[in-house]
Amino acid sequence: MKIVSRDQWFEVQTLSDGIRLIHEPYIRPFYRCNLWHVQGRDKDLLLDSGSGLVSLREQLPWLTERPLVAVASHCHFDHIAGHHEFAERLVHPAEADILAAPDGENDLSRAFVGDDMFEAHPDCPLCYAEYRVKAAPATGFVEDGDVLDLGNRTLQVLHTPGHSPGGISLFEAATETLFSGDIIYDGPLIEDAYHSNLDDYAASLRRLQELKIRTVHGGHFGSFSGEHLRGMIDEWLRQHA
């Protein structure tokens, strides 16, 4: 398999409204997590932290030039394996045990990490057969209705279980922007993980349907419109009626 240097491992795209998308282009799209960096006046927020194969702080030093809070949309390996690099780590209490003690089963890494996941490997001394997510115990918790204040912008925490019990989304009402994590994105959804729940899934999607949303930044694949979101939710609910 192709080997790429660590300084090529991350790709950063600057979007509007002080939002950056960070991802790992050599991980195949189905497995590739979107890391969302939201810039505020007083502090920044990073939603999810990727595979952990290459150090975010080493390759993207600007991430920690300002105060930053790392938030887990949920605790599957592809979303939390870089969390240990950050001093402030928030998670929903329902999955705090996974963030504190990932074991390969509870974070799904044992089931998914392998050569099928990669277009290329980074040039670092990691044996993929021995891949482990490092423990990153939460320094605080986020629950439904909490507000994350970055100084000049606020994001409301929405508990959106279904994909996993502690799944959250973040909603910035001022810009009608939703960061949806893995409850919904523009690709094949995972609704049959060991702790998925279809009743919770349906309730979470119905809740999102009621919000005034212009733009959705999901946990995987490309961003999309609120109109497309509503159409996808309608289709999911029809299929699961």
C-alpha atoms as a PDB file:
ATOM      1  CA  MET A   1       0.000   0.000   0.000  1.00  0.00           C
ATOM      2  CA  LYS A   2       1.114   3.554  -0.741  1.00  0.00           C
ATOM      3  CA  ILE A   3       2.882   5.382   2.092  1.00  0.00           C
ATOM      4  CA  VAL A   4       2.412   9.138   2.521  1.00  0.00           C
ATOM      5  CA  SER A   5       4.289  11.516   4.789  1.00  0.00           C
ATOM      6  CA  ARG A   6       2.583  12.671   7.938  1.00  0.00           C
ATOM      7  CA  ASP A   7       2.544  16.265   6.742  1.00  0.00           C
ATOM      8  CA  GLN A   8       0.246  15.165   3.914  1.00  0.00           C
ATOM      9  CA  TRP A   9      -2.161  13.269   6.157  1.00  0.00           C
ATOM     10  CA  PHE A  10      -4.654  16.060   6.879  1.00  0.00           C
ATOM     11  CA  GLU A  11      -6.511  18.291   4.479  1.00  0.00           C
ATOM     12  CA  VAL A  12      -8.058  21.548   5.677  1.00  0.00           C
ATOM     13  CA  GLN A  13     -10.834  23.428   3.896  1.00  0.00           C
ATOM     14  CA  THR A  14     -11.875  26.884   5.061  1.00  0.00           C
ATOM     15  CA  LEU A  15     -15.615  27.432   4.780  1.00  0.00           C
ATOM     16  CA  SER A  16     -17.714  30.496   5.567  1.00  0.00           C
ATOM     17  CA  ASP A  17     -18.667  31.698   9.058  1.00  0.00           C
ATOM     18  CA  GLY A  18     -15.301  30.859  10.633  1.00  0.00           C
ATOM     19  CA  ILE A  19     -15.665  27.121  10.061  1.00  0.00           C
ATOM     20  CA  ARG A  20     -12.915  24.790   8.899  1.00  0.00           C
ATOM     21  CA  LEU A  21     -13.322  21.200   7.755  1.00  0.00           C
ATOM     22  CA  ILE A  22     -10.413  18.934   8.634  1.00  0.00           C
ATOM     23  CA  HIS A  23     -10.292  15.412   7.279  1.00  0.00           C
ATOM     24  CA  GLU A  24      -7.929  12.583   6.459  1.00  0.00           C
ATOM     25  CA  PRO A  25      -8.018  12.187   2.653  1.00  0.00           C
ATOM     26  CA  TYR A  26      -6.206   8.841   2.601  1.00  0.00           C
ATOM     27  CA  ILE A  27      -8.957   7.197   4.627  1.00  0.00           C
ATOM     28  CA  ARG A  28     -11.700   5.950   2.294  1.00  0.00           C
ATOM     29  CA  PRO A  29     -14.894   8.048   2.319  1.00  0.00           C
ATOM     30  CA  PHE A  30     -17.143   5.604   4.189  1.00  0.00           C
ATOM     31  CA  TYR A  31     -14.712   5.598   7.143  1.00  0.00           C
ATOM     32  CA  ARG A  32     -13.490   9.185   6.855  1.00  0.00           C
ATOM     33  CA  CYS A  33     -14.662  11.406   9.698  1.00  0.00           C
ATOM     34  CA  ASN A  34     -15.259  15.119   9.281  1.00  0.00           C
ATOM     35  CA  LEU A  35     -13.573  17.188  11.976  1.00  0.00           C
ATOM     36  CA  TRP A  36     -15.275  20.560  12.370  1.00  0.00           C
ATOM     37  CA  HIS A  37     -13.247  23.499  13.706  1.00  0.00           C
ATOM     38  CA  VAL A  38     -15.435  26.444  14.725  1.00  0.00           C
ATOM     39  CA  GLN A  39     -13.687  29.725  15.459  1.00  0.00           C
ATOM     40  CA  GLY A  40     -15.004  32.013  18.182  1.00  0.00           C
ATOM     41  CA  ARG A  41     -13.863  35.315  19.636  1.00  0.00           C
ATOM     42  CA  ASP A  42     -12.792  33.872  22.987  1.00  0.00           C
ATOM     43  CA  LYS A  43     -12.205  30.203  22.196  1.00  0.00           C
ATOM     44  CA  ASP A  44     -12.512  27.662  19.417  1.00  0.00           C
ATOM     45  CA  LEU A  45     -14.336  24.364  19.247  1.00  0.00           C
ATOM     46  CA  LEU A  46     -13.301  21.123  17.573  1.00  0.00           C
ATOM     47  CA  LEU A  47     -16.116  18.657  16.984  1.00  0.00           C
ATOM     48  CA  ASP A  48     -14.549  15.181  16.701  1.00  0.00           C
ATOM     49  CA  SER A  49     -10.884  14.346  16.284  1.00  0.00           C
ATOM     50  CA  GLY A  50     -10.482  11.591  13.707  1.00  0.00           C
ATOM     51  CA  SER A  51      -8.568   8.324  13.621  1.00  0.00           C
ATOM     52  CA  GLY A  52      -5.618   9.313  15.803  1.00  0.00           C
ATOM     53  CA  LEU A  53      -3.122   7.833  13.340  1.00  0.00           C
ATOM     54  CA  VAL A  54      -1.271  11.130  12.972  1.00  0.00           C
ATOM     55  CA  SER A  55      -1.039  13.864  15.599  1.00  0.00           C
ATOM     56  CA  LEU A  56      -3.359  16.791  14.992  1.00  0.00           C
ATOM     57  CA  ARG A  57      -1.328  19.049  17.262  1.00  0.00           C
ATOM     58  CA  GLU A  58       1.889  18.160  15.442  1.00  0.00           C
ATOM     59  CA  GLN A  59       0.598  18.679  11.919  1.00  0.00           C
ATOM     60  CA  LEU A  60      -1.920  21.470  12.583  1.00  0.00           C
ATOM     61  CA  PRO A  61      -0.259  23.522  15.348  1.00  0.00           C
ATOM     62  CA  TRP A  62      -2.675  26.423  14.811  1.00  0.00           C
ATOM     63  CA  LEU A  63      -5.352  24.268  16.467  1.00  0.00           C
ATOM     64  CA  THR A  64      -3.921  24.994  19.901  1.00  0.00           C
ATOM     65  CA  GLU A  65      -2.735  28.562  19.419  1.00  0.00           C
ATOM     66  CA  ARG A  66      -5.985  29.703  21.048  1.00  0.00           C
ATOM     67  CA  PRO A  67      -8.127  28.138  23.812  1.00  0.00           C
ATOM     68  CA  LEU A  68      -9.971  25.155  22.352  1.00  0.00           C
ATOM     69  CA  VAL A  69     -12.596  22.705  23.560  1.00  0.00           C
ATOM     70  CA  ALA A  70     -12.725  19.257  21.925  1.00  0.00           C
ATOM     71  CA  VAL A  71     -16.253  17.869  21.766  1.00  0.00           C
ATOM     72  CA  ALA A  72     -17.189  14.299  20.869  1.00  0.00           C
ATOM     73  CA  SER A  73     -20.314  13.950  18.740  1.00  0.00           C
ATOM     74  CA  HIS A  74     -20.197  10.321  19.927  1.00  0.00           C
ATOM     75  CA  CYS A  75     -17.506   7.826  20.886  1.00  0.00           C
ATOM     76  CA  HIS A  76     -16.819   5.610  17.894  1.00  0.00           C
ATOM     77  CA  PHE A  77     -13.094   5.363  17.136  1.00  0.00           C
ATOM     78  CA  ASP A  78     -13.131   7.467  13.977  1.00  0.00           C
ATOM     79  CA  HIS A  79     -14.481  10.428  15.957  1.00  0.00           C
ATOM     80  CA  ILE A  80     -12.464  10.357  19.195  1.00  0.00           C
ATOM     81  CA  ALA A  81      -8.983   8.901  18.631  1.00  0.00           C
ATOM     82  CA  GLY A  82      -7.346  12.343  18.684  1.00  0.00           C
ATOM     83  CA  HIS A  83      -9.140  13.605  21.783  1.00  0.00           C
ATOM     84  CA  HIS A  84      -6.276  12.693  24.101  1.00  0.00           C
ATOM     85  CA  GLU A  85      -4.262  15.532  22.548  1.00  0.00           C
ATOM     86  CA  PHE A  86      -6.514  18.235  23.974  1.00  0.00           C
ATOM     87  CA  ALA A  87      -6.841  19.474  27.548  1.00  0.00           C
ATOM     88  CA  GLU A  88     -10.577  20.231  27.512  1.00  0.00           C
ATOM     89  CA  ARG A  89     -12.759  17.311  26.397  1.00  0.00           C
ATOM     90  CA  LEU A  90     -16.555  17.215  26.452  1.00  0.00           C
ATOM     91  CA  VAL A  91     -18.874  14.261  25.854  1.00  0.00           C
ATOM     92  CA  HIS A  92     -22.434  13.231  26.629  1.00  0.00           C
ATOM     93  CA  PRO A  93     -22.555  11.243  29.891  1.00  0.00           C
ATOM     94  CA  ALA A  94     -24.077   8.218  28.130  1.00  0.00           C
ATOM     95  CA  GLU A  95     -20.756   7.558  26.384  1.00  0.00           C
ATOM     96  CA  ALA A  96     -18.272   8.945  28.897  1.00  0.00           C
ATOM     97  CA  ASP A  97     -17.196   5.414  29.799  1.00  0.00           C
ATOM     98  CA  ILE A  98     -16.090   4.776  26.197  1.00  0.00           C
ATOM     99  CA  LEU A  99     -14.029   7.971  25.995  1.00  0.00           C
ATOM    100  CA  ALA A 100     -12.384   7.114  29.315  1.00  0.00           C
ATOM    101  CA  ALA A 101     -11.692   3.462  28.526  1.00  0.00           C
ATOM    102  CA  PRO A 102     -11.904   2.574  24.813  1.00  0.00           C
ATOM    103  CA  ASP A 103     -11.269  -1.142  24.382  1.00  0.00           C
ATOM    104  CA  GLY A 104     -11.642  -1.842  20.669  1.00  0.00           C
ATOM    105  CA  GLU A 105     -15.107  -3.301  21.093  1.00  0.00           C
ATOM    106  CA  ASN A 106     -16.964  -0.393  22.640  1.00  0.00           C
ATOM    107  CA  ASP A 107     -15.396   2.083  20.172  1.00  0.00           C
ATOM    108  CA  LEU A 108     -15.898  -0.223  17.111  1.00  0.00           C
ATOM    109  CA  SER A 109     -12.235  -0.039  16.078  1.00  0.00           C
ATOM    110  CA  ARG A 110     -11.716  -3.801  16.232  1.00  0.00           C
ATOM    111  CA  ALA A 111     -14.525  -4.326  13.749  1.00  0.00           C
ATOM    112  CA  PHE A 112     -13.499  -1.672  11.221  1.00  0.00           C
ATOM    113  CA  VAL A 113      -9.805  -0.784  11.319  1.00  0.00           C
ATOM    114  CA  GLY A 114      -7.914  -2.629   8.586  1.00  0.00           C
ATOM    115  CA  ASP A 115      -6.483  -2.189   5.121  1.00  0.00           C
ATOM    116  CA  ASP A 116      -9.952  -1.797   3.588  1.00  0.00           C
ATOM    117  CA  MET A 117     -10.174   1.515   5.393  1.00  0.00           C
ATOM    118  CA  PHE A 118      -7.152   3.118   3.712  1.00  0.00           C
ATOM    119  CA  GLU A 119      -6.063   4.484   0.365  1.00  0.00           C
ATOM    120  CA  ALA A 120      -2.596   4.954   1.888  1.00  0.00           C
ATOM    121  CA  HIS A 121      -0.822   4.612   5.210  1.00  0.00           C
ATOM    122  CA  PRO A 122       1.034   7.391   7.027  1.00  0.00           C
ATOM    123  CA  ASP A 123       4.766   7.005   7.481  1.00  0.00           C
ATOM    124  CA  CYS A 124       4.646   6.517  11.223  1.00  0.00           C
ATOM    125  CA  PRO A 125       5.554   3.474  13.310  1.00  0.00           C
ATOM    126  CA  LEU A 126       2.080   2.083  13.843  1.00  0.00           C
ATOM    127  CA  CYS A 127       1.090  -1.524  13.397  1.00  0.00           C
ATOM    128  CA  TYR A 128      -2.520  -1.485  12.266  1.00  0.00           C
ATOM    129  CA  ALA A 129      -3.144  -4.865  13.841  1.00  0.00           C
ATOM    130  CA  GLU A 130      -2.305  -3.224  17.166  1.00  0.00           C
ATOM    131  CA  TYR A 131      -4.341  -0.068  16.606  1.00  0.00           C
ATOM    132  CA  ARG A 132      -5.742   1.321  19.852  1.00  0.00           C
ATOM    133  CA  VAL A 133      -7.697   4.414  20.737  1.00  0.00           C
ATOM    134  CA  LYS A 134      -6.005   6.184  23.633  1.00  0.00           C
ATOM    135  CA  ALA A 135      -8.020   6.918  26.743  1.00  0.00           C
ATOM    136  CA  ALA A 136      -9.153  10.556  27.008  1.00  0.00           C
ATOM    137  CA  PRO A 137     -11.383  10.894  30.084  1.00  0.00           C
ATOM    138  CA  ALA A 138     -13.866  13.731  29.817  1.00  0.00           C
ATOM    139  CA  THR A 139     -13.093  16.947  31.631  1.00  0.00           C
ATOM    140  CA  GLY A 140     -16.767  17.907  31.428  1.00  0.00           C
ATOM    141  CA  PHE A 141     -20.113  16.772  30.100  1.00  0.00           C
ATOM    142  CA  VAL A 142     -22.641  18.123  27.624  1.00  0.00           C
ATOM    143  CA  GLU A 143     -26.324  17.365  27.816  1.00  0.00           C
ATOM    144  CA  ASP A 144     -29.397  18.331  25.867  1.00  0.00           C
ATOM    145  CA  GLY A 145     -30.024  22.066  25.997  1.00  0.00           C
ATOM    146  CA  ASP A 146     -26.526  23.051  27.081  1.00  0.00           C
ATOM    147  CA  VAL A 147     -25.018  26.030  25.300  1.00  0.00           C
ATOM    148  CA  LEU A 148     -21.384  26.214  24.253  1.00  0.00           C
ATOM    149  CA  ASP A 149     -20.379  29.875  24.294  1.00  0.00           C
ATOM    150  CA  LEU A 150     -17.358  30.797  22.163  1.00  0.00           C
ATOM    151  CA  GLY A 151     -17.638  34.516  22.931  1.00  0.00           C
ATOM    152  CA  ASN A 152     -19.331  35.893  19.851  1.00  0.00           C
ATOM    153  CA  ARG A 153     -21.240  32.766  18.884  1.00  0.00           C
ATOM    154  CA  THR A 154     -23.121  30.025  20.681  1.00  0.00           C
ATOM    155  CA  LEU A 155     -23.941  26.447  19.786  1.00  0.00           C
ATOM    156  CA  GLN A 156     -26.787  24.564  21.418  1.00  0.00           C
ATOM    157  CA  VAL A 157     -26.273  20.921  22.314  1.00  0.00           C
ATOM    158  CA  LEU A 158     -28.970  18.578  21.023  1.00  0.00           C
ATOM    159  CA  HIS A 159     -28.976  15.042  22.375  1.00  0.00           C
ATOM    160  CA  THR A 160     -29.644  13.004  19.243  1.00  0.00           C
ATOM    161  CA  PRO A 161     -29.342   9.319  20.164  1.00  0.00           C
ATOM    162  CA  GLY A 162     -30.059   6.480  17.768  1.00  0.00           C
ATOM    163  CA  HIS A 163     -26.764   5.833  16.036  1.00  0.00           C
ATOM    164  CA  SER A 164     -25.365   5.605  19.552  1.00  0.00           C
ATOM    165  CA  PRO A 165     -26.811   6.437  22.986  1.00  0.00           C
ATOM    166  CA  GLY A 166     -24.670   9.507  23.646  1.00  0.00           C
ATOM    167  CA  GLY A 167     -24.824  11.019  20.192  1.00  0.00           C
ATOM    168  CA  ILE A 168     -25.130  14.784  20.044  1.00  0.00           C
ATOM    169  CA  SER A 169     -25.571  17.440  17.396  1.00  0.00           C
ATOM    170  CA  LEU A 170     -24.648  21.118  17.701  1.00  0.00           C
ATOM    171  CA  PHE A 171     -26.994  23.818  16.404  1.00  0.00           C
ATOM    172  CA  GLU A 172     -26.019  27.414  15.765  1.00  0.00           C
ATOM    173  CA  ALA A 173     -29.374  29.148  15.523  1.00  0.00           C
ATOM    174  CA  ALA A 174     -27.897  32.492  14.426  1.00  0.00           C
ATOM    175  CA  THR A 175     -26.604  30.971  11.192  1.00  0.00           C
ATOM    176  CA  GLU A 176     -29.147  28.106  11.004  1.00  0.00           C
ATOM    177  CA  THR A 177     -26.233  25.666  10.903  1.00  0.00           C
ATOM    178  CA  LEU A 178     -26.395  22.101  12.213  1.00  0.00           C
ATOM    179  CA  PHE A 179     -23.381  19.941  12.995  1.00  0.00           C
ATOM    180  CA  SER A 180     -25.144  16.590  12.949  1.00  0.00           C
ATOM    181  CA  GLY A 181     -22.472  14.068  13.886  1.00  0.00           C
ATOM    182  CA  ASP A 182     -23.505  10.600  12.740  1.00  0.00           C
ATOM    183  CA  ILE A 183     -27.243  10.802  13.349  1.00  0.00           C
ATOM    184  CA  ILE A 184     -27.547  11.915   9.725  1.00  0.00           C
ATOM    185  CA  TYR A 185     -25.168  12.680   6.875  1.00  0.00           C
ATOM    186  CA  ASP A 186     -25.320  12.423   3.080  1.00  0.00           C
ATOM    187  CA  GLY A 187     -24.273   8.794   2.783  1.00  0.00           C
ATOM    188  CA  PRO A 188     -25.142   5.296   4.047  1.00  0.00           C
ATOM    189  CA  LEU A 189     -26.199   5.603   7.668  1.00  0.00           C
ATOM    190  CA  ILE A 190     -25.126   3.130  10.363  1.00  0.00           C
ATOM    191  CA  GLU A 191     -28.151   2.189  12.424  1.00  0.00           C
ATOM    192  CA  ASP A 192     -27.159  -1.326  13.489  1.00  0.00           C
ATOM    193  CA  ALA A 193     -24.140  -0.770  15.749  1.00  0.00           C
ATOM    194  CA  TYR A 194     -24.193  -2.728  19.006  1.00  0.00           C
ATOM    195  CA  HIS A 195     -25.784   0.180  20.885  1.00  0.00           C
ATOM    196  CA  SER A 196     -27.945   1.668  18.108  1.00  0.00           C
ATOM    197  CA  ASN A 197     -31.668   2.092  18.710  1.00  0.00           C
ATOM    198  CA  LEU A 198     -34.177   2.654  15.901  1.00  0.00           C
ATOM    199  CA  ASP A 199     -36.851   4.215  18.115  1.00  0.00           C
ATOM    200  CA  ASP A 200     -34.316   6.755  19.366  1.00  0.00           C
ATOM    201  CA  TYR A 201     -33.127   7.263  15.791  1.00  0.00           C
ATOM    202  CA  ALA A 202     -36.629   8.137  14.605  1.00  0.00           C
ATOM    203  CA  ALA A 203     -37.237  10.514  17.521  1.00  0.00           C
ATOM    204  CA  SER A 204     -33.952  12.319  16.905  1.00  0.00           C
ATOM    205  CA  LEU A 205     -34.648  12.751  13.194  1.00  0.00           C
ATOM    206  CA  ARG A 206     -38.158  14.049  13.863  1.00  0.00           C
ATOM    207  CA  ARG A 207     -36.677  16.584  16.246  1.00  0.00           C
ATOM    208  CA  LEU A 208     -34.185  17.799  13.635  1.00  0.00           C
ATOM    209  CA  GLN A 209     -37.026  18.068  11.131  1.00  0.00           C
ATOM    210  CA  GLU A 210     -38.640  20.749  13.310  1.00  0.00           C
ATOM    211  CA  LEU A 211     -35.624  23.057  13.359  1.00  0.00           C
ATOM    212  CA  LYS A 212     -35.036  25.910  10.948  1.00  0.00           C
ATOM    213  CA  ILE A 213     -31.840  24.645   9.333  1.00  0.00           C
ATOM    214  CA  ARG A 214     -30.088  26.140   6.318  1.00  0.00           C
ATOM    215  CA  THR A 215     -26.825  24.151   6.266  1.00  0.00           C
ATOM    216  CA  VAL A 216     -25.835  20.738   7.635  1.00  0.00           C
ATOM    217  CA  HIS A 217     -22.251  19.713   8.340  1.00  0.00           C
ATOM    218  CA  GLY A 218     -22.333  15.963   8.979  1.00  0.00           C
ATOM    219  CA  GLY A 219     -19.911  13.534  10.551  1.00  0.00           C
ATOM    220  CA  HIS A 220     -19.088  12.024   7.131  1.00  0.00           C
ATOM    221  CA  PHE A 221     -19.339  12.970   3.443  1.00  0.00           C
ATOM    222  CA  GLY A 222     -20.216  16.431   2.130  1.00  0.00           C
ATOM    223  CA  SER A 223     -22.263  19.238   3.626  1.00  0.00           C
ATOM    224  CA  PHE A 224     -25.793  19.800   2.380  1.00  0.00           C
ATOM    225  CA  SER A 225     -28.857  22.007   2.645  1.00  0.00           C
ATOM    226  CA  GLY A 226     -31.651  21.992   5.164  1.00  0.00           C
ATOM    227  CA  GLU A 227     -34.049  21.163   2.344  1.00  0.00           C
ATOM    228  CA  HIS A 228     -32.031  18.042   1.524  1.00  0.00           C
ATOM    229  CA  LEU A 229     -31.976  17.173   5.214  1.00  0.00           C
ATOM    230  CA  ARG A 230     -35.753  17.247   5.422  1.00  0.00           C
ATOM    231  CA  GLY A 231     -36.035  15.088   2.318  1.00  0.00           C
ATOM    232  CA  MET A 232     -33.595  12.507   3.717  1.00  0.00           C
ATOM    233  CA  ILE A 233     -35.476  12.391   7.011  1.00  0.00           C
ATOM    234  CA  ASP A 234     -38.804  11.914   5.206  1.00  0.00           C
ATOM    235  CA  GLU A 235     -37.313   9.039   3.226  1.00  0.00           C
ATOM    236  CA  TRP A 236     -35.773   7.420   6.337  1.00  0.00           C
ATOM    237  CA  LEU A 237     -39.060   7.600   8.195  1.00  0.00           C
ATOM    238  CA  ARG A 238     -40.931   6.080   5.237  1.00  0.00           C
ATOM    239  CA  GLN A 239     -38.468   3.213   5.034  1.00  0.00           C
ATOM    240  CA  HIS A 240     -38.713   2.531   8.751  1.00  0.00           C
ATOM    241  CA  ALA A 241     -42.462   2.961   9.198  1.00  0.00           C
END
